[in-house]
N, C-alpha and C. Protein backbone atom coordinates (compact mmCIF):
# COMPACT_ATOMS: atom_id res chain seq x y z
N MET A 1 12.62 -2.39 12.61
CA MET A 1 13.57 -2.56 11.54
C MET A 1 13.15 -1.60 10.37
N ALA A 2 14.03 -0.84 9.75
CA ALA A 2 13.81 0.10 8.81
C ALA A 2 13.15 -0.52 7.54
N LEU A 3 13.64 -1.72 7.19
CA LEU A 3 13.11 -2.42 5.99
C LEU A 3 11.61 -2.68 6.11
N ILE A 4 11.11 -3.14 7.33
CA ILE A 4 9.77 -3.34 7.52
C ILE A 4 8.98 -2.14 7.50
N ASP A 5 9.45 -1.01 8.14
CA ASP A 5 8.81 0.28 8.08
C ASP A 5 8.64 0.75 6.56
N LYS A 6 9.68 0.54 5.80
CA LYS A 6 9.53 1.07 4.37
C LYS A 6 8.50 0.29 3.61
N TYR A 7 8.41 -1.06 3.82
CA TYR A 7 7.46 -1.82 3.05
C TYR A 7 6.14 -2.29 3.70
N LYS A 8 5.88 -1.76 4.93
CA LYS A 8 4.75 -2.39 5.66
C LYS A 8 3.35 -1.97 4.91
N LYS A 9 3.28 -0.73 4.46
CA LYS A 9 2.11 -0.38 3.77
C LYS A 9 1.95 -1.07 2.37
N LEU A 10 3.05 -1.27 1.71
CA LEU A 10 2.95 -2.05 0.49
C LEU A 10 2.44 -3.41 0.72
N ILE A 11 3.02 -4.08 1.71
CA ILE A 11 2.57 -5.48 1.98
C ILE A 11 1.17 -5.64 2.43
N TYR A 12 0.80 -4.69 3.35
CA TYR A 12 -0.52 -4.77 3.93
C TYR A 12 -1.59 -4.33 2.97
N SER A 13 -1.31 -3.52 1.96
CA SER A 13 -2.27 -3.10 0.91
C SER A 13 -2.72 -4.26 0.08
N VAL A 14 -1.94 -5.34 -0.12
CA VAL A 14 -2.36 -6.49 -0.96
C VAL A 14 -3.52 -7.12 -0.40
N PRO A 15 -3.44 -7.63 0.88
CA PRO A 15 -4.64 -8.34 1.48
C PRO A 15 -5.86 -7.46 1.61
N VAL A 16 -5.64 -6.17 1.81
CA VAL A 16 -6.69 -5.26 1.92
C VAL A 16 -7.47 -5.30 0.55
N ARG A 17 -6.69 -5.23 -0.55
CA ARG A 17 -7.28 -5.23 -1.92
C ARG A 17 -8.06 -6.50 -2.11
N TRP A 18 -7.58 -7.60 -1.52
CA TRP A 18 -8.22 -8.90 -1.74
C TRP A 18 -9.53 -8.91 -0.93
N GLY A 19 -9.74 -7.93 -0.03
CA GLY A 19 -10.92 -7.87 0.68
C GLY A 19 -10.91 -8.67 2.05
N PHE A 20 -9.74 -8.96 2.58
CA PHE A 20 -9.51 -9.61 3.84
C PHE A 20 -9.92 -8.74 5.08
N SER A 21 -10.30 -9.33 6.09
CA SER A 21 -10.58 -8.61 7.33
C SER A 21 -9.23 -8.12 7.86
N GLN A 22 -9.29 -7.11 8.80
CA GLN A 22 -7.99 -6.59 9.33
C GLN A 22 -7.15 -7.68 10.08
N VAL A 23 -7.90 -8.55 10.67
CA VAL A 23 -7.31 -9.80 11.35
C VAL A 23 -6.42 -10.57 10.46
N ASP A 24 -7.18 -10.92 9.33
CA ASP A 24 -6.51 -11.75 8.29
C ASP A 24 -5.43 -11.02 7.65
N ALA A 25 -5.66 -9.76 7.33
CA ALA A 25 -4.58 -9.06 6.63
C ALA A 25 -3.34 -8.86 7.57
N SER A 26 -3.57 -8.73 8.85
CA SER A 26 -2.43 -8.70 9.74
C SER A 26 -1.71 -10.05 9.82
N ASP A 27 -2.42 -11.17 9.82
CA ASP A 27 -1.87 -12.41 9.82
C ASP A 27 -0.98 -12.66 8.55
N ILE A 28 -1.59 -12.26 7.38
CA ILE A 28 -0.80 -12.43 6.12
C ILE A 28 0.42 -11.47 6.10
N PHE A 29 0.28 -10.24 6.65
CA PHE A 29 1.47 -9.39 6.76
C PHE A 29 2.50 -10.04 7.58
N GLN A 30 2.21 -10.62 8.74
CA GLN A 30 3.23 -11.20 9.55
C GLN A 30 3.83 -12.40 8.85
N SER A 31 3.09 -13.14 8.08
CA SER A 31 3.61 -14.24 7.40
C SER A 31 4.65 -13.73 6.32
N VAL A 32 4.26 -12.66 5.61
CA VAL A 32 5.06 -12.23 4.51
C VAL A 32 6.46 -11.66 5.20
N VAL A 33 6.33 -10.89 6.25
CA VAL A 33 7.48 -10.32 6.90
C VAL A 33 8.44 -11.41 7.43
N ALA A 34 7.86 -12.50 7.93
CA ALA A 34 8.64 -13.59 8.42
C ALA A 34 9.40 -14.24 7.21
N GLU A 35 8.70 -14.38 6.16
CA GLU A 35 9.33 -14.99 4.95
C GLU A 35 10.43 -14.04 4.38
N MET A 36 10.13 -12.72 4.37
CA MET A 36 11.08 -11.82 3.93
C MET A 36 12.36 -11.79 4.70
N LEU A 37 12.23 -11.88 6.10
CA LEU A 37 13.37 -11.94 6.89
C LEU A 37 14.19 -13.26 6.79
N SER A 38 13.49 -14.32 6.51
CA SER A 38 14.20 -15.63 6.38
C SER A 38 14.94 -15.67 5.02
N HIS A 39 14.50 -14.97 3.99
CA HIS A 39 15.08 -14.97 2.75
C HIS A 39 15.99 -13.73 2.38
N LEU A 40 16.14 -12.89 3.34
CA LEU A 40 16.82 -11.67 3.07
C LEU A 40 18.24 -11.88 2.61
N ALA A 41 18.97 -12.98 3.08
CA ALA A 41 20.32 -13.17 2.75
C ALA A 41 20.36 -13.74 1.27
N ASP A 42 19.24 -14.16 0.72
CA ASP A 42 19.26 -14.65 -0.69
C ASP A 42 19.04 -13.57 -1.63
N LEU A 43 18.72 -12.31 -1.22
CA LEU A 43 18.41 -11.28 -2.16
C LEU A 43 19.62 -10.82 -2.93
N ARG A 44 19.58 -10.92 -4.20
CA ARG A 44 20.64 -10.56 -5.11
C ARG A 44 20.48 -9.07 -5.64
N GLU A 45 19.31 -8.74 -5.89
CA GLU A 45 18.95 -7.44 -6.47
C GLU A 45 17.99 -6.65 -5.47
N PRO A 46 18.63 -5.78 -4.68
CA PRO A 46 17.71 -5.06 -3.71
C PRO A 46 16.61 -4.26 -4.30
N GLN A 47 16.76 -3.72 -5.49
CA GLN A 47 15.68 -2.98 -6.10
C GLN A 47 14.49 -3.92 -6.52
N ALA A 48 14.71 -5.19 -6.55
CA ALA A 48 13.65 -6.21 -6.87
C ALA A 48 12.82 -6.54 -5.59
N LEU A 49 13.14 -6.08 -4.47
CA LEU A 49 12.52 -6.57 -3.24
C LEU A 49 11.02 -6.15 -3.33
N ALA A 50 10.61 -5.07 -3.72
CA ALA A 50 9.16 -4.62 -3.69
C ALA A 50 8.38 -5.60 -4.59
N GLY A 51 8.88 -5.89 -5.77
CA GLY A 51 8.18 -6.82 -6.59
C GLY A 51 8.08 -8.22 -6.03
N TRP A 52 9.22 -8.72 -5.39
CA TRP A 52 9.08 -9.94 -4.78
C TRP A 52 8.16 -10.04 -3.58
N LEU A 53 8.08 -8.92 -2.84
CA LEU A 53 7.16 -8.89 -1.71
C LEU A 53 5.71 -8.87 -2.29
N LEU A 54 5.56 -8.17 -3.35
CA LEU A 54 4.14 -8.20 -3.92
C LEU A 54 3.72 -9.62 -4.34
N GLN A 55 4.77 -10.32 -4.95
CA GLN A 55 4.45 -11.59 -5.48
C GLN A 55 4.16 -12.58 -4.29
N VAL A 56 5.03 -12.55 -3.33
CA VAL A 56 4.87 -13.42 -2.15
C VAL A 56 3.53 -13.11 -1.49
N THR A 57 3.19 -11.93 -1.31
CA THR A 57 1.99 -11.50 -0.57
C THR A 57 0.72 -11.99 -1.47
N SER A 58 0.84 -11.82 -2.77
CA SER A 58 -0.37 -12.23 -3.58
C SER A 58 -0.49 -13.78 -3.41
N HIS A 59 0.62 -14.58 -3.44
CA HIS A 59 0.49 -15.99 -3.38
C HIS A 59 -0.05 -16.40 -1.96
N LYS A 60 0.32 -15.59 -0.92
CA LYS A 60 -0.25 -15.96 0.35
C LYS A 60 -1.70 -15.59 0.44
N CYS A 61 -2.07 -14.53 -0.23
CA CYS A 61 -3.52 -14.10 -0.23
C CYS A 61 -4.38 -15.25 -0.97
N ARG A 62 -3.84 -15.69 -2.09
CA ARG A 62 -4.43 -16.78 -2.81
C ARG A 62 -4.63 -18.06 -1.98
N ARG A 63 -3.63 -18.41 -1.35
CA ARG A 63 -3.70 -19.62 -0.49
C ARG A 63 -4.61 -19.42 0.77
N TRP A 64 -4.58 -18.20 1.30
CA TRP A 64 -5.38 -17.88 2.46
C TRP A 64 -6.87 -17.91 1.99
N LYS A 65 -7.18 -17.33 0.81
CA LYS A 65 -8.52 -17.41 0.34
C LYS A 65 -9.02 -18.80 0.05
N HIS A 66 -8.06 -19.61 -0.57
CA HIS A 66 -8.43 -20.95 -0.92
C HIS A 66 -8.79 -21.74 0.46
N GLN A 67 -7.92 -21.52 1.42
CA GLN A 67 -8.22 -22.18 2.68
C GLN A 67 -9.54 -21.83 3.25
N GLN A 68 -9.79 -20.45 3.28
CA GLN A 68 -11.09 -19.89 3.75
C GLN A 68 -12.26 -20.55 2.96
N ASP A 69 -12.23 -20.60 1.67
CA ASP A 69 -13.28 -21.13 0.78
C ASP A 69 -13.50 -22.68 1.11
N ARG A 70 -12.38 -23.37 1.38
CA ARG A 70 -12.48 -24.76 1.70
C ARG A 70 -13.27 -24.97 3.07
N GLU A 71 -12.83 -24.13 3.95
CA GLU A 71 -13.48 -24.16 5.37
C GLU A 71 -14.95 -23.79 5.26
N GLN A 72 -15.26 -22.82 4.52
CA GLN A 72 -16.69 -22.37 4.36
C GLN A 72 -17.53 -23.39 3.67
N SER A 73 -17.00 -23.96 2.62
CA SER A 73 -17.66 -24.95 1.77
C SER A 73 -17.63 -26.38 2.38
N GLY A 74 -16.95 -26.58 3.47
CA GLY A 74 -16.81 -27.89 3.99
C GLY A 74 -15.94 -28.85 3.16
N GLY A 75 -15.11 -28.20 2.20
CA GLY A 75 -14.31 -29.09 1.36
C GLY A 75 -15.03 -29.51 0.09
N GLU A 76 -16.31 -28.95 -0.13
CA GLU A 76 -16.98 -29.28 -1.35
C GLU A 76 -16.24 -28.78 -2.59
N THR A 77 -16.43 -29.57 -3.73
CA THR A 77 -15.79 -29.18 -4.90
C THR A 77 -16.79 -28.72 -5.90
N ASP A 78 -16.33 -28.14 -7.05
CA ASP A 78 -17.15 -27.76 -8.10
C ASP A 78 -17.40 -28.93 -9.07
N SER A 79 -18.13 -28.75 -10.15
CA SER A 79 -18.37 -29.77 -11.12
C SER A 79 -17.13 -30.44 -11.70
N ALA A 80 -16.07 -29.77 -11.79
CA ALA A 80 -14.83 -30.34 -12.36
C ALA A 80 -14.03 -31.13 -11.31
N GLY A 81 -14.62 -31.10 -10.15
CA GLY A 81 -13.97 -31.87 -9.04
C GLY A 81 -12.82 -31.10 -8.32
N GLU A 82 -12.80 -29.79 -8.52
CA GLU A 82 -11.84 -28.91 -7.85
C GLU A 82 -12.47 -27.89 -6.97
N THR A 83 -11.79 -27.60 -5.84
CA THR A 83 -12.33 -26.56 -5.03
C THR A 83 -12.25 -25.24 -5.68
N ALA A 84 -13.30 -24.48 -5.70
CA ALA A 84 -13.32 -23.08 -6.36
C ALA A 84 -12.37 -22.19 -5.61
N VAL A 85 -11.64 -21.44 -6.30
CA VAL A 85 -10.69 -20.53 -5.68
C VAL A 85 -10.92 -19.10 -6.43
N GLU A 86 -11.28 -18.12 -5.58
CA GLU A 86 -11.32 -16.75 -6.17
C GLU A 86 -9.87 -16.23 -6.37
N THR A 87 -9.65 -15.67 -7.51
CA THR A 87 -8.29 -15.24 -7.78
C THR A 87 -7.99 -13.89 -7.30
N GLY A 88 -8.90 -13.09 -6.95
CA GLY A 88 -8.63 -11.69 -6.42
C GLY A 88 -8.23 -10.79 -7.59
N PRO A 89 -7.62 -9.65 -7.33
CA PRO A 89 -7.29 -8.73 -8.36
C PRO A 89 -6.33 -9.25 -9.37
N ALA A 90 -6.43 -8.83 -10.63
CA ALA A 90 -5.44 -9.32 -11.66
C ALA A 90 -4.05 -9.06 -11.20
N PRO A 91 -3.14 -9.91 -11.20
CA PRO A 91 -1.69 -9.76 -10.67
C PRO A 91 -1.03 -8.51 -11.30
N ASP A 92 -1.16 -8.40 -12.59
CA ASP A 92 -0.48 -7.26 -13.25
C ASP A 92 -0.97 -5.98 -12.79
N LEU A 93 -2.34 -5.80 -12.80
CA LEU A 93 -3.00 -4.59 -12.24
C LEU A 93 -2.60 -4.26 -10.83
N LEU A 94 -2.78 -5.41 -9.96
CA LEU A 94 -2.38 -5.17 -8.51
C LEU A 94 -0.97 -4.70 -8.39
N PHE A 95 0.04 -5.32 -9.16
CA PHE A 95 1.35 -4.92 -9.06
C PHE A 95 1.58 -3.51 -9.45
N HIS A 96 0.98 -3.10 -10.60
CA HIS A 96 1.17 -1.78 -11.11
C HIS A 96 0.49 -0.72 -10.13
N ASP A 97 -0.63 -0.95 -9.67
CA ASP A 97 -1.33 -0.04 -8.68
C ASP A 97 -0.61 0.08 -7.45
N THR A 98 -0.09 -1.06 -6.93
CA THR A 98 0.55 -1.09 -5.63
C THR A 98 1.93 -0.38 -5.69
N MET A 99 2.67 -0.55 -6.82
CA MET A 99 3.90 0.09 -6.98
C MET A 99 3.79 1.55 -7.15
N ARG A 100 2.68 2.04 -7.76
CA ARG A 100 2.45 3.49 -7.84
C ARG A 100 2.07 4.02 -6.49
N GLU A 101 1.37 3.28 -5.68
CA GLU A 101 1.01 3.82 -4.35
C GLU A 101 2.33 3.82 -3.51
N GLN A 102 3.20 2.82 -3.64
CA GLN A 102 4.48 2.89 -2.90
C GLN A 102 5.34 4.02 -3.31
N THR A 103 5.39 4.28 -4.57
CA THR A 103 6.25 5.46 -5.09
C THR A 103 5.64 6.71 -4.53
N LEU A 104 4.33 6.91 -4.44
CA LEU A 104 3.70 8.00 -3.83
C LEU A 104 4.04 8.21 -2.36
N ARG A 105 4.00 7.07 -1.58
CA ARG A 105 4.29 7.05 -0.21
C ARG A 105 5.80 7.53 0.01
N GLU A 106 6.69 6.99 -0.83
CA GLU A 106 8.07 7.35 -0.78
C GLU A 106 8.29 8.85 -1.09
N ALA A 107 7.57 9.32 -2.08
CA ALA A 107 7.70 10.75 -2.55
C ALA A 107 7.25 11.61 -1.40
N LEU A 108 6.21 11.33 -0.69
CA LEU A 108 5.64 12.09 0.46
C LEU A 108 6.67 12.17 1.54
N ILE A 109 7.52 11.19 1.68
CA ILE A 109 8.56 11.25 2.69
C ILE A 109 9.62 12.39 2.36
N HIS A 110 9.84 12.59 1.08
CA HIS A 110 10.84 13.50 0.63
C HIS A 110 10.39 14.93 0.54
N ILE A 111 9.26 15.31 0.79
CA ILE A 111 8.82 16.66 0.81
C ILE A 111 8.77 17.15 2.15
N PRO A 112 8.78 18.52 2.45
CA PRO A 112 8.83 19.04 3.82
C PRO A 112 7.59 18.58 4.74
N PRO A 113 7.92 18.44 5.95
CA PRO A 113 6.77 17.96 6.82
C PRO A 113 5.51 18.76 6.75
N ARG A 114 5.60 19.99 6.71
CA ARG A 114 4.33 20.87 6.51
C ARG A 114 3.64 20.52 5.24
N CYS A 115 4.27 20.40 4.21
CA CYS A 115 3.67 20.01 2.94
C CYS A 115 3.00 18.57 3.03
N ARG A 116 3.71 17.65 3.66
CA ARG A 116 3.22 16.33 3.84
C ARG A 116 1.93 16.34 4.72
N GLU A 117 1.98 17.10 5.72
CA GLU A 117 0.77 17.12 6.63
C GLU A 117 -0.41 17.79 5.88
N LEU A 118 -0.12 18.95 5.17
CA LEU A 118 -1.20 19.60 4.46
C LEU A 118 -1.79 18.72 3.43
N ILE A 119 -1.01 17.95 2.59
CA ILE A 119 -1.46 17.06 1.65
C ILE A 119 -2.30 15.88 2.34
N ARG A 120 -1.82 15.45 3.48
CA ARG A 120 -2.61 14.40 4.16
C ARG A 120 -3.85 14.80 4.60
N MET A 121 -3.93 16.09 5.13
CA MET A 121 -5.26 16.54 5.58
C MET A 121 -6.23 16.86 4.49
N LEU A 122 -5.73 17.31 3.29
CA LEU A 122 -6.64 17.76 2.21
C LEU A 122 -6.97 16.51 1.30
N PHE A 123 -6.12 15.58 1.22
CA PHE A 123 -6.36 14.53 0.19
C PHE A 123 -6.50 13.08 0.70
N PHE A 124 -5.89 12.82 1.83
CA PHE A 124 -5.80 11.43 2.34
C PHE A 124 -6.82 11.13 3.43
N GLU A 125 -7.43 12.01 4.01
CA GLU A 125 -8.47 11.72 5.03
C GLU A 125 -9.78 11.44 4.42
N ASN A 126 -10.56 10.60 5.05
CA ASN A 126 -11.88 10.15 4.53
C ASN A 126 -12.76 11.34 4.23
N THR A 127 -12.75 12.31 5.15
CA THR A 127 -13.41 13.57 4.94
C THR A 127 -12.47 14.70 4.98
N PRO A 128 -12.10 15.33 3.87
CA PRO A 128 -11.18 16.34 3.87
C PRO A 128 -11.48 17.50 4.78
N ARG A 129 -10.56 17.96 5.49
CA ARG A 129 -10.84 19.00 6.47
C ARG A 129 -11.03 20.42 5.74
N PRO A 130 -11.99 21.20 6.40
CA PRO A 130 -12.15 22.53 5.91
C PRO A 130 -10.88 23.41 6.06
N TYR A 131 -10.63 24.38 5.04
CA TYR A 131 -9.46 25.16 5.14
C TYR A 131 -9.33 25.78 6.46
N ALA A 132 -10.36 26.28 7.10
CA ALA A 132 -10.17 26.95 8.44
C ALA A 132 -9.54 26.01 9.43
N GLU A 133 -9.94 24.70 9.40
CA GLU A 133 -9.43 23.78 10.37
C GLU A 133 -7.98 23.41 10.08
N VAL A 134 -7.69 23.32 8.75
CA VAL A 134 -6.31 23.02 8.33
C VAL A 134 -5.34 24.23 8.69
N ALA A 135 -5.84 25.42 8.55
CA ALA A 135 -5.05 26.61 8.93
C ALA A 135 -4.77 26.61 10.38
N VAL A 136 -5.66 26.32 11.21
CA VAL A 136 -5.48 26.29 12.66
C VAL A 136 -4.46 25.17 12.94
N SER A 137 -4.58 24.01 12.43
CA SER A 137 -3.70 22.89 12.69
C SER A 137 -2.28 23.21 12.32
N LEU A 138 -2.13 23.84 11.19
CA LEU A 138 -0.75 24.15 10.74
C LEU A 138 -0.25 25.53 11.18
N GLY A 139 -1.07 26.26 11.82
CA GLY A 139 -0.57 27.59 12.30
C GLY A 139 -0.39 28.65 11.10
N ILE A 140 -1.21 28.53 10.14
CA ILE A 140 -1.05 29.51 8.99
C ILE A 140 -2.35 30.21 8.72
N ALA A 141 -2.28 31.21 7.87
CA ALA A 141 -3.53 32.00 7.56
C ALA A 141 -4.37 31.17 6.53
N THR A 142 -5.66 31.20 6.72
CA THR A 142 -6.60 30.38 5.91
C THR A 142 -6.33 30.79 4.41
N GLY A 143 -6.15 32.18 4.16
CA GLY A 143 -5.97 32.58 2.80
C GLY A 143 -4.77 32.04 2.15
N SER A 144 -3.78 31.61 2.84
CA SER A 144 -2.49 31.15 2.18
C SER A 144 -2.59 29.72 1.95
N ILE A 145 -3.56 28.97 2.30
CA ILE A 145 -3.62 27.46 2.07
C ILE A 145 -3.54 27.10 0.66
N GLY A 146 -4.32 27.85 -0.19
CA GLY A 146 -4.37 27.50 -1.72
C GLY A 146 -2.98 27.68 -2.34
N PHE A 147 -2.30 28.71 -1.99
CA PHE A 147 -0.93 28.95 -2.50
C PHE A 147 0.10 27.92 -1.93
N ILE A 148 -0.01 27.66 -0.68
CA ILE A 148 0.93 26.59 -0.07
C ILE A 148 0.53 25.23 -0.71
N ARG A 149 -0.63 24.84 -0.74
CA ARG A 149 -1.12 23.64 -1.37
C ARG A 149 -0.46 23.47 -2.84
N ARG A 150 -0.56 24.47 -3.60
CA ARG A 150 -0.08 24.51 -4.98
C ARG A 150 1.44 24.24 -4.94
N ARG A 151 2.12 24.92 -4.11
CA ARG A 151 3.62 24.88 -4.01
C ARG A 151 3.93 23.43 -3.53
N CYS A 152 3.22 22.90 -2.54
CA CYS A 152 3.53 21.53 -2.07
C CYS A 152 3.31 20.49 -3.16
N LEU A 153 2.18 20.62 -3.91
CA LEU A 153 1.94 19.73 -4.93
C LEU A 153 3.02 19.89 -6.13
N GLU A 154 3.51 21.02 -6.34
CA GLU A 154 4.57 21.13 -7.40
C GLU A 154 5.74 20.39 -6.89
N ARG A 155 6.10 20.53 -5.58
CA ARG A 155 7.32 19.79 -5.04
C ARG A 155 7.11 18.27 -5.24
N LEU A 156 5.95 17.87 -4.89
CA LEU A 156 5.59 16.34 -4.95
C LEU A 156 5.68 15.92 -6.33
N ARG A 157 5.06 16.70 -7.37
CA ARG A 157 5.18 16.39 -8.74
C ARG A 157 6.63 16.38 -9.27
N LYS A 158 7.40 17.37 -8.83
CA LYS A 158 8.82 17.33 -9.26
C LYS A 158 9.53 16.14 -8.75
N TYR A 159 9.38 15.73 -7.52
CA TYR A 159 9.98 14.54 -7.02
C TYR A 159 9.54 13.30 -7.82
N LEU A 160 8.24 13.19 -7.97
CA LEU A 160 7.83 12.00 -8.74
C LEU A 160 8.32 11.95 -10.15
N LEU A 161 8.39 13.08 -10.86
CA LEU A 161 8.97 13.07 -12.22
C LEU A 161 10.48 12.83 -12.15
N ASP A 162 11.14 13.30 -11.21
CA ASP A 162 12.63 12.99 -11.02
C ASP A 162 12.83 11.46 -10.74
N ALA A 163 11.88 10.88 -10.09
CA ALA A 163 11.91 9.45 -9.70
C ALA A 163 11.43 8.52 -10.93
N GLY A 164 11.10 9.17 -12.06
CA GLY A 164 10.66 8.40 -13.12
C GLY A 164 9.21 8.01 -13.12
N PHE A 165 8.43 8.62 -12.31
CA PHE A 165 6.97 8.37 -12.17
C PHE A 165 6.31 9.02 -13.36
N PRO A 166 5.49 8.16 -14.10
CA PRO A 166 4.85 8.73 -15.28
C PRO A 166 3.72 9.66 -14.95
């Protein structure tokens, strides 16, 4: 489904920021997608979907963390008589950062494939590739990578500015 493809990284990024394992993050992702699909008919403002997904995912993470904490502590409570719950990242900061990341992901889709691949190799891999390796992968001269990189980043910047990205 195209809607899931569009928002999968956005949804999955929230439990990752909370520090959940891949298995837990996948379970939370599936739960959020199921809820999204069951409430899709109720959606009045399509542009609000990303914010709604972030909110639902954050709530699920909080509940998931609460459940894990209760299981690990055997249901023990703190001095106030309540089970301690870690809140995770500040909701406003999480929302802002995640929306910026989603905007960047969407912008990358709108630039030419060669630019997208070049940017991925140079900036998104854990260990950036040497220019010689990038040149071979893209079938271009090593000496032209700097020029092409600058042009690609300018295209990306223009798209982001046109999209209202600060």
